PDB file of N, CA and C in Angstrom:
ATOM      1  N   MET A   1      57.227  -8.731  57.289  1.00  0.00           N
ATOM      2  CA  MET A   1      57.658  -7.451  56.815  1.00  0.00           C
ATOM      3  C   MET A   1      56.443  -6.576  56.513  1.00  0.00           C
ATOM      4  N   THR A   2      56.480  -5.335  56.934  1.00  0.00           N
ATOM      5  CA  THR A   2      55.407  -4.396  56.705  1.00  0.00           C
ATOM      6  C   THR A   2      55.568  -3.740  55.343  1.00  0.00           C
ATOM      7  N   ARG A   3      54.477  -3.601  54.641  1.00  0.00           N
ATOM      8  CA  ARG A   3      54.489  -2.974  53.329  1.00  0.00           C
ATOM      9  C   ARG A   3      54.760  -1.479  53.467  1.00  0.00           C
ATOM     10  N   LYS A   4      55.561  -0.936  52.557  1.00  0.00           N
ATOM     11  CA  LYS A   4      55.849   0.495  52.555  1.00  0.00           C
ATOM     12  C   LYS A   4      54.635   1.277  52.071  1.00  0.00           C
ATOM     13  N   ILE A   5      54.464   2.482  52.592  1.00  0.00           N
ATOM     14  CA  ILE A   5      53.408   3.376  52.150  1.00  0.00           C
ATOM     15  C   ILE A   5      53.887   4.068  50.876  1.00  0.00           C
ATOM     16  N   GLY A   6      53.112   3.963  49.817  1.00  0.00           N
ATOM     17  CA  GLY A   6      53.445   4.610  48.550  1.00  0.00           C
ATOM     18  C   GLY A   6      52.923   6.038  48.547  1.00  0.00           C
ATOM     19  N   ILE A   7      53.808   6.997  48.311  1.00  0.00           N
ATOM     20  CA  ILE A   7      53.457   8.413  48.397  1.00  0.00           C
ATOM     21  C   ILE A   7      53.701   9.114  47.068  1.00  0.00           C
ATOM     22  N   ALA A   8      52.778  10.024  46.728  1.00  0.00           N
ATOM     23  CA  ALA A   8      52.926  10.883  45.548  1.00  0.00           C
ATOM     24  C   ALA A   8      52.858  12.335  45.999  1.00  0.00           C
ATOM     25  N   LEU A   9      53.528  13.200  45.260  1.00  0.00           N
ATOM     26  CA  LEU A   9      53.478  14.634  45.525  1.00  0.00           C
ATOM     27  C   LEU A   9      52.906  15.323  44.300  1.00  0.00           C
ATOM     28  N   LEU A  10      51.905  16.156  44.520  1.00  0.00           N
ATOM     29  CA  LEU A  10      51.323  16.955  43.449  1.00  0.00           C
ATOM     30  C   LEU A  10      51.647  18.410  43.734  1.00  0.00           C
ATOM     31  N   GLY A  11      52.459  18.991  42.889  1.00  0.00           N
ATOM     32  CA  GLY A  11      52.974  20.340  43.087  1.00  0.00           C
ATOM     33  C   GLY A  11      54.407  20.231  43.570  1.00  0.00           C
ATOM     34  N   CYS A  12      55.344  20.743  42.794  1.00  0.00           N
ATOM     35  CA  CYS A  12      56.764  20.554  43.103  1.00  0.00           C
ATOM     36  C   CYS A  12      57.485  21.877  43.314  1.00  0.00           C
ATOM     37  N   GLY A  13      56.765  22.857  43.809  1.00  0.00           N
ATOM     38  CA  GLY A  13      57.345  24.168  44.048  1.00  0.00           C
ATOM     39  C   GLY A  13      58.001  24.285  45.409  1.00  0.00           C
ATOM     40  N   ARG A  14      57.963  25.492  45.955  1.00  0.00           N
ATOM     41  CA  ARG A  14      58.642  25.828  47.202  1.00  0.00           C
ATOM     42  C   ARG A  14      58.226  24.938  48.375  1.00  0.00           C
ATOM     43  N   VAL A  15      56.930  24.710  48.541  1.00  0.00           N
ATOM     44  CA  VAL A  15      56.446  23.903  49.673  1.00  0.00           C
ATOM     45  C   VAL A  15      56.927  22.458  49.548  1.00  0.00           C
ATOM     46  N   ALA A  16      56.967  21.942  48.352  1.00  0.00           N
ATOM     47  CA  ALA A  16      57.423  20.565  48.136  1.00  0.00           C
ATOM     48  C   ALA A  16      58.870  20.379  48.580  1.00  0.00           C
ATOM     49  N   GLN A  17      59.663  21.423  48.460  1.00  0.00           N
ATOM     50  CA  GLN A  17      61.069  21.346  48.880  1.00  0.00           C
ATOM     51  C   GLN A  17      61.169  21.113  50.389  1.00  0.00           C
ATOM     52  N   HIS A  18      60.252  21.696  51.142  1.00  0.00           N
ATOM     53  CA  HIS A  18      60.224  21.477  52.597  1.00  0.00           C
ATOM     54  C   HIS A  18      59.892  20.015  52.912  1.00  0.00           C
ATOM     55  N   TYR A  19      58.936  19.459  52.176  1.00  0.00           N
ATOM     56  CA  TYR A  19      58.582  18.055  52.388  1.00  0.00           C
ATOM     57  C   TYR A  19      59.737  17.134  52.008  1.00  0.00           C
ATOM     58  N   ALA A  20      60.447  17.474  50.954  1.00  0.00           N
ATOM     59  CA  ALA A  20      61.601  16.662  50.542  1.00  0.00           C
ATOM     60  C   ALA A  20      62.623  16.597  51.682  1.00  0.00           C
ATOM     61  N   LYS A  21      62.855  17.714  52.361  1.00  0.00           N
ATOM     62  CA  LYS A  21      63.774  17.726  53.503  1.00  0.00           C
ATOM     63  C   LYS A  21      63.246  16.845  54.631  1.00  0.00           C
ATOM     64  N   ILE A  22      61.952  16.926  54.881  1.00  0.00           N
ATOM     65  CA  ILE A  22      61.337  16.110  55.933  1.00  0.00           C
ATOM     66  C   ILE A  22      61.495  14.628  55.615  1.00  0.00           C
ATOM     67  N   PHE A  23      61.221  14.249  54.363  1.00  0.00           N
ATOM     68  CA  PHE A  23      61.373  12.839  53.980  1.00  0.00           C
ATOM     69  C   PHE A  23      62.806  12.366  54.167  1.00  0.00           C
ATOM     70  N   GLY A  24      63.754  13.258  54.016  1.00  0.00           N
ATOM     71  CA  GLY A  24      65.156  12.905  54.238  1.00  0.00           C
ATOM     72  C   GLY A  24      65.465  12.598  55.689  1.00  0.00           C
ATOM     73  N   LEU A  25      64.597  13.036  56.597  1.00  0.00           N
ATOM     74  CA  LEU A  25      64.800  12.808  58.039  1.00  0.00           C
ATOM     75  C   LEU A  25      64.049  11.582  58.558  1.00  0.00           C
ATOM     76  N   ILE A  26      63.134  11.050  57.753  1.00  0.00           N
ATOM     77  CA  ILE A  26      62.293   9.931  58.172  1.00  0.00           C
ATOM     78  C   ILE A  26      62.882   8.616  57.652  1.00  0.00           C
ATOM     79  N   ASP A  27      62.817   7.594  58.467  1.00  0.00           N
ATOM     80  CA  ASP A  27      63.290   6.269  58.073  1.00  0.00           C
ATOM     81  C   ASP A  27      62.538   5.798  56.831  1.00  0.00           C
ATOM     82  N   SER A  28      63.236   5.636  55.729  1.00  0.00           N
ATOM     83  CA  SER A  28      62.586   5.286  54.468  1.00  0.00           C
ATOM     84  C   SER A  28      62.172   3.818  54.376  1.00  0.00           C
ATOM     85  N   GLN A  29      62.341   3.064  55.446  1.00  0.00           N
ATOM     86  CA  GLN A  29      61.851   1.684  55.439  1.00  0.00           C
ATOM     87  C   GLN A  29      60.330   1.642  55.529  1.00  0.00           C
ATOM     88  N   SER A  30      59.708   2.772  55.912  1.00  0.00           N
ATOM     89  CA  SER A  30      58.262   2.791  56.091  1.00  0.00           C
ATOM     90  C   SER A  30      57.506   3.414  54.919  1.00  0.00           C
ATOM     91  N   TYR A  31      58.207   4.062  54.004  1.00  0.00           N
ATOM     92  CA  TYR A  31      57.536   4.713  52.883  1.00  0.00           C
ATOM     93  C   TYR A  31      58.407   4.678  51.632  1.00  0.00           C
ATOM     94  N   GLU A  32      57.751   4.963  50.491  1.00  0.00           N
ATOM     95  CA  GLU A  32      58.463   5.098  49.225  1.00  0.00           C
ATOM     96  C   GLU A  32      57.792   6.212  48.428  1.00  0.00           C
ATOM     97  N   ILE A  33      58.565   7.174  47.968  1.00  0.00           N
ATOM     98  CA  ILE A  33      58.031   8.218  47.103  1.00  0.00           C
ATOM     99  C   ILE A  33      57.943   7.627  45.695  1.00  0.00           C
ATOM    100  N   LEU A  34      56.731   7.525  45.188  1.00  0.00           N
ATOM    101  CA  LEU A  34      56.507   6.880  43.897  1.00  0.00           C
ATOM    102  C   LEU A  34      56.512   7.858  42.732  1.00  0.00           C
ATOM    103  N   GLY A  35      56.030   9.088  42.978  1.00  0.00           N
ATOM    104  CA  GLY A  35      55.957  10.033  41.879  1.00  0.00           C
ATOM    105  C   GLY A  35      55.794  11.466  42.325  1.00  0.00           C
ATOM    106  N   CYS A  36      56.247  12.375  41.455  1.00  0.00           N
ATOM    107  CA  CYS A  36      56.123  13.813  41.656  1.00  0.00           C
ATOM    108  C   CYS A  36      55.496  14.399  40.399  1.00  0.00           C
ATOM    109  N   CYS A  37      54.524  15.283  40.576  1.00  0.00           N
ATOM    110  CA  CYS A  37      53.812  15.845  39.438  1.00  0.00           C
ATOM    111  C   CYS A  37      53.744  17.364  39.551  1.00  0.00           C
ATOM    112  N   ASP A  38      53.991  18.031  38.430  1.00  0.00           N
ATOM    113  CA  ASP A  38      53.857  19.480  38.343  1.00  0.00           C
ATOM    114  C   ASP A  38      53.624  19.822  36.876  1.00  0.00           C
ATOM    115  N   VAL A  39      52.880  20.889  36.618  1.00  0.00           N
ATOM    116  CA  VAL A  39      52.665  21.294  35.223  1.00  0.00           C
ATOM    117  C   VAL A  39      53.969  21.751  34.583  1.00  0.00           C
ATOM    118  N   ASP A  40      54.919  22.166  35.404  1.00  0.00           N
ATOM    119  CA  ASP A  40      56.257  22.527  34.927  1.00  0.00           C
ATOM    120  C   ASP A  40      57.128  21.273  35.036  1.00  0.00           C
ATOM    121  N   PHE A  41      57.382  20.626  33.901  1.00  0.00           N
ATOM    122  CA  PHE A  41      58.095  19.347  33.925  1.00  0.00           C
ATOM    123  C   PHE A  41      59.465  19.459  34.578  1.00  0.00           C
ATOM    124  N   SER A  42      60.146  20.589  34.407  1.00  0.00           N
ATOM    125  CA  SER A  42      61.477  20.723  35.004  1.00  0.00           C
ATOM    126  C   SER A  42      61.414  20.657  36.525  1.00  0.00           C
ATOM    127  N   LYS A  43      60.357  21.194  37.109  1.00  0.00           N
ATOM    128  CA  LYS A  43      60.187  21.105  38.569  1.00  0.00           C
ATOM    129  C   LYS A  43      59.899  19.665  38.996  1.00  0.00           C
ATOM    130  N   ALA A  44      58.999  19.012  38.270  1.00  0.00           N
ATOM    131  CA  ALA A  44      58.664  17.622  38.585  1.00  0.00           C
ATOM    132  C   ALA A  44      59.885  16.728  38.435  1.00  0.00           C
ATOM    133  N   GLU A  45      60.626  16.925  37.370  1.00  0.00           N
ATOM    134  CA  GLU A  45      61.797  16.098  37.113  1.00  0.00           C
ATOM    135  C   GLU A  45      62.886  16.315  38.165  1.00  0.00           C
ATOM    136  N   SER A  46      63.114  17.558  38.529  1.00  0.00           N
ATOM    137  CA  SER A  46      64.142  17.870  39.527  1.00  0.00           C
ATOM    138  C   SER A  46      63.806  17.241  40.879  1.00  0.00           C
ATOM    139  N   LEU A  47      62.560  17.410  41.316  1.00  0.00           N
ATOM    140  CA  LEU A  47      62.168  16.843  42.609  1.00  0.00           C
ATOM    141  C   LEU A  47      62.167  15.321  42.555  1.00  0.00           C
ATOM    142  N   SER A  48      61.683  14.748  41.466  1.00  0.00           N
ATOM    143  CA  SER A  48      61.631  13.288  41.373  1.00  0.00           C
ATOM    144  C   SER A  48      63.026  12.678  41.377  1.00  0.00           C
ATOM    145  N   LYS A  49      63.987  13.367  40.773  1.00  0.00           N
ATOM    146  CA  LYS A  49      65.368  12.864  40.810  1.00  0.00           C
ATOM    147  C   LYS A  49      65.896  12.855  42.239  1.00  0.00           C
ATOM    148  N   SER A  50      65.641  13.928  42.976  1.00  0.00           N
ATOM    149  CA  SER A  50      66.148  13.991  44.349  1.00  0.00           C
ATOM    150  C   SER A  50      65.456  12.989  45.260  1.00  0.00           C
ATOM    151  N   LEU A  51      64.209  12.626  44.943  1.00  0.00           N
ATOM    152  CA  LEU A  51      63.468  11.665  45.764  1.00  0.00           C
ATOM    153  C   LEU A  51      63.464  10.259  45.165  1.00  0.00           C
ATOM    154  N   LYS A  52      64.170  10.099  44.059  1.00  0.00           N
ATOM    155  CA  LYS A  52      64.283   8.791  43.381  1.00  0.00           C
ATOM    156  C   LYS A  52      62.905   8.222  43.029  1.00  0.00           C
ATOM    157  N   SER A  53      62.136   9.026  42.321  1.00  0.00           N
ATOM    158  CA  SER A  53      60.788   8.616  41.926  1.00  0.00           C
ATOM    159  C   SER A  53      60.555   8.971  40.464  1.00  0.00           C
ATOM    160  N   LYS A  54      59.341   8.756  39.991  1.00  0.00           N
ATOM    161  CA  LYS A  54      58.974   9.076  38.612  1.00  0.00           C
ATOM    162  C   LYS A  54      58.430  10.505  38.554  1.00  0.00           C
ATOM    163  N   SER A  55      58.566  11.139  37.397  1.00  0.00           N
ATOM    164  CA  SER A  55      58.056  12.501  37.231  1.00  0.00           C
ATOM    165  C   SER A  55      56.898  12.520  36.230  1.00  0.00           C
ATOM    166  N   PHE A  56      55.942  13.408  36.503  1.00  0.00           N
ATOM    167  CA  PHE A  56      54.734  13.516  35.681  1.00  0.00           C
ATOM    168  C   PHE A  56      54.330  14.982  35.538  1.00  0.00           C
ATOM    169  N   THR A  57      53.604  15.284  34.465  1.00  0.00           N
ATOM    170  CA  THR A  57      52.999  16.602  34.310  1.00  0.00           C
ATOM    171  C   THR A  57      51.479  16.527  34.383  1.00  0.00           C
ATOM    172  N   ASP A  58      50.927  15.320  34.338  1.00  0.00           N
ATOM    173  CA  ASP A  58      49.478  15.138  34.403  1.00  0.00           C
ATOM    174  C   ASP A  58      49.110  14.347  35.660  1.00  0.00           C
ATOM    175  N   TYR A  59      48.295  14.941  36.476  1.00  0.00           N
ATOM    176  CA  TYR A  59      47.892  14.386  37.766  1.00  0.00           C
ATOM    177  C   TYR A  59      47.187  13.030  37.641  1.00  0.00           C
ATOM    178  N   LYS A  60      46.197  12.959  36.761  1.00  0.00           N
ATOM    179  CA  LYS A  60      45.446  11.709  36.612  1.00  0.00           C
ATOM    180  C   LYS A  60      46.324  10.591  36.053  1.00  0.00           C
ATOM    181  N   THR A  61      47.199  10.925  35.133  1.00  0.00           N
ATOM    182  CA  THR A  61      48.134   9.943  34.585  1.00  0.00           C
ATOM    183  C   THR A  61      49.026   9.401  35.696  1.00  0.00           C
ATOM    184  N   MET A  62      49.499  10.290  36.563  1.00  0.00           N
ATOM    185  CA  MET A  62      50.345   9.855  37.678  1.00  0.00           C
ATOM    186  C   MET A  62      49.581   8.893  38.583  1.00  0.00           C
ATOM    187  N   LEU A  63      48.356   9.245  38.945  1.00  0.00           N
ATOM    188  CA  LEU A  63      47.572   8.365  39.823  1.00  0.00           C
ATOM    189  C   LEU A  63      47.366   6.991  39.193  1.00  0.00           C
ATOM    190  N   ASP A  64      47.077   6.955  37.906  1.00  0.00           N
ATOM    191  CA  ASP A  64      46.883   5.683  37.203  1.00  0.00           C
ATOM    192  C   ASP A  64      48.172   4.866  37.148  1.00  0.00           C
ATOM    193  N   ALA A  65      49.292   5.542  36.928  1.00  0.00           N
ATOM    194  CA  ALA A  65      50.569   4.852  36.723  1.00  0.00           C
ATOM    195  C   ALA A  65      51.159   4.293  38.011  1.00  0.00           C
ATOM    196  N   ILE A  66      51.017   5.015  39.114  1.00  0.00           N
ATOM    197  CA  ILE A  66      51.727   4.588  40.325  1.00  0.00           C
ATOM    198  C   ILE A  66      50.817   4.117  41.455  1.00  0.00           C
ATOM    199  N   ASN A  67      49.520   4.429  41.392  1.00  0.00           N
ATOM    200  CA  ASN A  67      48.548   3.977  42.382  1.00  0.00           C
ATOM    201  C   ASN A  67      49.047   4.177  43.827  1.00  0.00           C
ATOM    202  N   PRO A  68      49.256   5.432  44.259  1.00  0.00           N
ATOM    203  CA  PRO A  68      49.790   5.681  45.599  1.00  0.00           C
ATOM    204  C   PRO A  68      48.772   5.410  46.697  1.00  0.00           C
ATOM    205  N   ASP A  69      49.271   5.213  47.911  1.00  0.00           N
ATOM    206  CA  ASP A  69      48.406   5.100  49.082  1.00  0.00           C
ATOM    207  C   ASP A  69      48.030   6.489  49.593  1.00  0.00           C
ATOM    208  N   LEU A  70      48.955   7.430  49.436  1.00  0.00           N
ATOM    209  CA  LEU A  70      48.817   8.785  49.968  1.00  0.00           C
ATOM    210  C   LEU A  70      49.338   9.783  48.951  1.00  0.00           C
ATOM    211  N   ILE A  71      48.632  10.900  48.810  1.00  0.00           N
ATOM    212  CA  ILE A  71      49.127  11.982  47.961  1.00  0.00           C
ATOM    213  C   ILE A  71      49.170  13.259  48.777  1.00  0.00           C
ATOM    214  N   LEU A  72      50.257  13.997  48.615  1.00  0.00           N
ATOM    215  CA  LEU A  72      50.394  15.304  49.235  1.00  0.00           C
ATOM    216  C   LEU A  72      49.988  16.336  48.187  1.00  0.00           C
ATOM    217  N   ILE A  73      48.950  17.094  48.472  1.00  0.00           N
ATOM    218  CA  ILE A  73      48.474  18.119  47.559  1.00  0.00           C
ATOM    219  C   ILE A  73      49.178  19.421  47.931  1.00  0.00           C
ATOM    220  N   LEU A  74      50.117  19.838  47.092  1.00  0.00           N
ATOM    221  CA  LEU A  74      50.961  20.998  47.358  1.00  0.00           C
ATOM    222  C   LEU A  74      50.809  22.054  46.266  1.00  0.00           C
ATOM    223  N   THR A  75      49.640  22.080  45.651  1.00  0.00           N
ATOM    224  CA  THR A  75      49.342  23.003  44.562  1.00  0.00           C
ATOM    225  C   THR A  75      48.766  24.306  45.121  1.00  0.00           C
ATOM    226  N   PRO A  76      48.569  25.324  44.265  1.00  0.00           N
ATOM    227  CA  PRO A  76      47.928  26.551  44.739  1.00  0.00           C
ATOM    228  C   PRO A  76      46.556  26.264  45.356  1.00  0.00           C
ATOM    229  N   SER A  77      46.210  27.005  46.406  1.00  0.00           N
ATOM    230  CA  SER A  77      45.025  26.682  47.206  1.00  0.00           C
ATOM    231  C   SER A  77      43.723  26.633  46.412  1.00  0.00           C
ATOM    232  N   GLY A  78      43.596  27.374  45.331  1.00  0.00           N
ATOM    233  CA  GLY A  78      42.372  27.333  44.545  1.00  0.00           C
ATOM    234  C   GLY A  78      42.124  26.002  43.859  1.00  0.00           C
ATOM    235  N   MET A  79      43.118  25.138  43.830  1.00  0.00           N
ATOM    236  CA  MET A  79      42.999  23.848  43.153  1.00  0.00           C
ATOM    237  C   MET A  79      42.890  22.673  44.127  1.00  0.00           C
ATOM    238  N   HIS A  80      43.016  22.936  45.406  1.00  0.00           N
ATOM    239  CA  HIS A  80      43.053  21.859  46.391  1.00  0.00           C
ATOM    240  C   HIS A  80      41.805  20.988  46.376  1.00  0.00           C
ATOM    241  N   TYR A  81      40.641  21.599  46.306  1.00  0.00           N
ATOM    242  CA  TYR A  81      39.409  20.812  46.332  1.00  0.00           C
ATOM    243  C   TYR A  81      39.353  19.855  45.148  1.00  0.00           C
ATOM    244  N   GLN A  82      39.573  20.373  43.955  1.00  0.00           N
ATOM    245  CA  GLN A  82      39.513  19.543  42.744  1.00  0.00           C
ATOM    246  C   GLN A  82      40.507  18.387  42.812  1.00  0.00           C
ATOM    247  N   HIS A  83      41.741  18.669  43.180  1.00  0.00           N
ATOM    248  CA  HIS A  83      42.760  17.617  43.252  1.00  0.00           C
ATOM    249  C   HIS A  83      42.436  16.596  44.340  1.00  0.00           C
ATOM    250  N   SER A  84      41.988  17.070  45.478  1.00  0.00           N
ATOM    251  CA  SER A  84      41.645  16.165  46.587  1.00  0.00           C
ATOM    252  C   SER A  84      40.486  15.262  46.219  1.00  0.00           C
ATOM    253  N   LYS A  85      39.463  15.834  45.605  1.00  0.00           N
ATOM    254  CA  LYS A  85      38.268  15.068  45.229  1.00  0.00           C
ATOM    255  C   LYS A  85      38.626  13.911  44.293  1.00  0.00           C
ATOM    256  N   ILE A  86      39.439  14.199  43.294  1.00  0.00           N
ATOM    257  CA  ILE A  86      39.839  13.161  42.331  1.00  0.00           C
ATOM    258  C   ILE A  86      40.596  12.039  43.046  1.00  0.00           C
ATOM    259  N   ALA A  87      41.522  12.401  43.910  1.00  0.00           N
ATOM    260  CA  ALA A  87      42.307  11.388  44.634  1.00  0.00           C
ATOM    261  C   ALA A  87      41.412  10.563  45.555  1.00  0.00           C
ATOM    262  N   LEU A  88      40.536  11.227  46.294  1.00  0.00           N
ATOM    263  CA  LEU A  88      39.654  10.509  47.215  1.00  0.00           C
ATOM    264  C   LEU A  88      38.716   9.567  46.480  1.00  0.00           C
ATOM    265  N   GLU A  89      38.230   9.977  45.318  1.00  0.00           N
ATOM    266  CA  GLU A  89      37.367   9.109  44.511  1.00  0.00           C
ATOM    267  C   GLU A  89      38.101   7.854  44.049  1.00  0.00           C
ATOM    268  N   ARG A  90      39.412   7.928  43.974  1.00  0.00           N
ATOM    269  CA  ARG A  90      40.225   6.776  43.570  1.00  0.00           C
ATOM    270  C   ARG A  90      40.731   5.981  44.766  1.00  0.00           C
ATOM    271  N   GLY A  91      40.295   6.356  45.968  1.00  0.00           N
ATOM    272  CA  GLY A  91      40.683   5.617  47.169  1.00  0.00           C
ATOM    273  C   GLY A  91      42.053   5.965  47.711  1.00  0.00           C
ATOM    274  N   VAL A  92      42.581   7.133  47.319  1.00  0.00           N
ATOM    275  CA  VAL A  92      43.900   7.562  47.775  1.00  0.00           C
ATOM    276  C   VAL A  92      43.726   8.483  48.979  1.00  0.00           C
ATOM    277  N   HIS A  93      44.499   8.251  50.026  1.00  0.00           N
ATOM    278  CA  HIS A  93      44.499   9.137  51.186  1.00  0.00           C
ATOM    279  C   HIS A  93      45.118  10.457  50.771  1.00  0.00           C
ATOM    280  N   VAL A  94      44.631  11.563  51.366  1.00  0.00           N
ATOM    281  CA  VAL A  94      45.049  12.893  50.953  1.00  0.00           C
ATOM    282  C   VAL A  94      45.543  13.709  52.132  1.00  0.00           C
ATOM    283  N   LEU A  95      46.666  14.392  51.941  1.00  0.00           N
ATOM    284  CA  LEU A  95      47.143  15.400  52.870  1.00  0.00           C
ATOM    285  C   LEU A  95      47.208  16.701  52.067  1.00  0.00           C
ATOM    286  N   VAL A  96      46.433  17.704  52.513  1.00  0.00           N
ATOM    287  CA  VAL A  96      46.359  18.970  51.784  1.00  0.00           C
ATOM    288  C   VAL A  96      47.179  20.012  52.537  1.00  0.00           C
ATOM    289  N   GLU A  97      48.062  20.666  51.812  1.00  0.00           N
ATOM    290  CA  GLU A  97      48.839  21.770  52.389  1.00  0.00           C
ATOM    291  C   GLU A  97      47.962  23.015  52.363  1.00  0.00           C
ATOM    292  N   LYS A  98      47.565  23.449  53.534  1.00  0.00           N
ATOM    293  CA  LYS A  98      46.718  24.638  53.744  1.00  0.00           C
ATOM    294  C   LYS A  98      45.280  24.391  53.322  1.00  0.00           C
ATOM    295  N   PRO A  99      44.515  25.453  53.016  1.00  0.00           N
ATOM    296  CA  PRO A  99      43.050  25.266  52.900  1.00  0.00           C
ATOM    297  C   PRO A  99      42.625  24.400  51.739  1.00  0.00           C
ATOM    298  N   ILE A 100      41.579  23.599  51.993  1.00  0.00           N
ATOM    299  CA  ILE A 100      41.002  22.800  50.935  1.00  0.00           C
ATOM    300  C   ILE A 100      40.011  23.643  50.171  1.00  0.00           C
TER     301      ILE A 100
END
């Protein structure tokens, strides 16, 4: 049996909703959404419920708690570098939505 890829989402706004739809189309035997993080807890909680994952408001806490293989950086573009750097330093693969 192949191990599932553990995925986290950072930023739970409009763009994250598009990814949630995409995940609904992909065979979930290959991945698991472990956590969703946003500074607005209601956004994180809403998305995490729909993806059956944990919700967080602190990025570093989420990384420590769930140890994902991959994180989708879906935050405002001015924060992409900082968020990506932290994840990469922890050995997490990064997918950045738009410019780093």
